Amino acid sequence: MEIIRKRAFARAGMVGNPSDGCDGRTISTILRNFSAKVVLYEWDRLEIVSTFQDQSCFRSIHELATDVQRHGYYGGIRLIKATIRRFVDYCVSHDISLHDRNFSIRYESDIPRQVGLAGSSAIIVATLRALLDFYGVEMPQVVQPSFVLSVETEELGLSAGLQDRVIQVYEGVVSMDFAVEYMREIDGFRCGMYEPIDPKLLPPMYLAYGLDIPKPIQSGTRSLISRYRERDSAVLQAVEGLKLCALIARDALLCGDIETFGKMIDRGFEYRRSIVTIRPEYQQMIDTARSLGLSAGFTGSGGAIIGVCEDPERLKRLVEAMRPLRCRVVRAQIDSTL
């Protein structure tokens, strides 16, 4: 019996966040430290197997409350169901015939939840890869991020943007441009301009994220997009600044200017702070890293930060400084060849 195993990694938006929802420009990297894994094999009926993240049996009422706080009400099964449903729709609309064999599918993920590392979209990406393999269907890579986005926004009604899905599909490091003039329709999906960058050009990076069970993040992304569409002057100015940061950071990476790249991470966070409310505990993470002379910016909507750290001794100091904040610090694993 053939067993199909697919995975998708956590990701970090480094520069340009959160302009991707506002016709912006970003640079993101994959984080091989964490991943979502999907296992699929032929079965006599179609079965989605529950995992510990979808448990419905608890030892106490307090354990149930903790589980809901950590994983929400749905776990990952709804993500798999929605991906399968959307995959069928894609195949029907493209006149792709599917064989009638059934399968069993299960997932597991060690991506820290609710800290802005895109754990939910990783489950969808891994599921899509398994389905494409099992049914022998080809879907253009440039289309896959938009397909994954449609699973979340159209099938599940979630608020999301393309950036996370692009980097999880392409992996490595990617510069993305979502400006109106670069967006085009392919296979019925809106796609941006995606430019892979050699991961070896990226300097050593650290990742720090909160360990305590967080409350659901309220990032303000939806209201930010609304304000952008309403032509709010502060948002327009910040978005233009974020786009410029991403462009400068891209050029800096390509020419080996690591100092400028780090400065763009810092400047991008300042633009973000000018238009959205930053939780005090998240700001403290930023301030702690910067107190050691390190660049620091959010990986996503908050709860995890990333920056340049070339000095191993300074990384050790960061580990110690973050410990009182209940934050774990790791060296970001980006290039699979390293």
Foldseek 3Di string as FASTA:
>chain_A
DDKDKFKFFWKFWQFLPPLLLVQFKTKMAGFPVWMKMKIKDFDQAAAEDDDPLQDDDDPDPVRVVLSCLQRNNGHQPLLLVLLVVLVVVLCVVVVHDFDDTHMYMYMDIPPRPQAFRPHNLRNSLRSNVRVCVVRVHDDDLQCQLQSSVCSCCVVVNDDDGSPRSNCRSVHFMKIWGRHPVQWDDDSNGTGGDIDHDHNVLAAWKKKKFADDSDGHFDLCPVVLSVCSVVVPPLSVVLRVLRRVLSVQLVVCSVVSNQVSVLVSSQVNQVSSVSPTPDDPLQVVLQVLQVVLVWRWHGRGSHRMIMTHDNDPVSQVVSQVSCVVSNMHMDTGDGDPVD
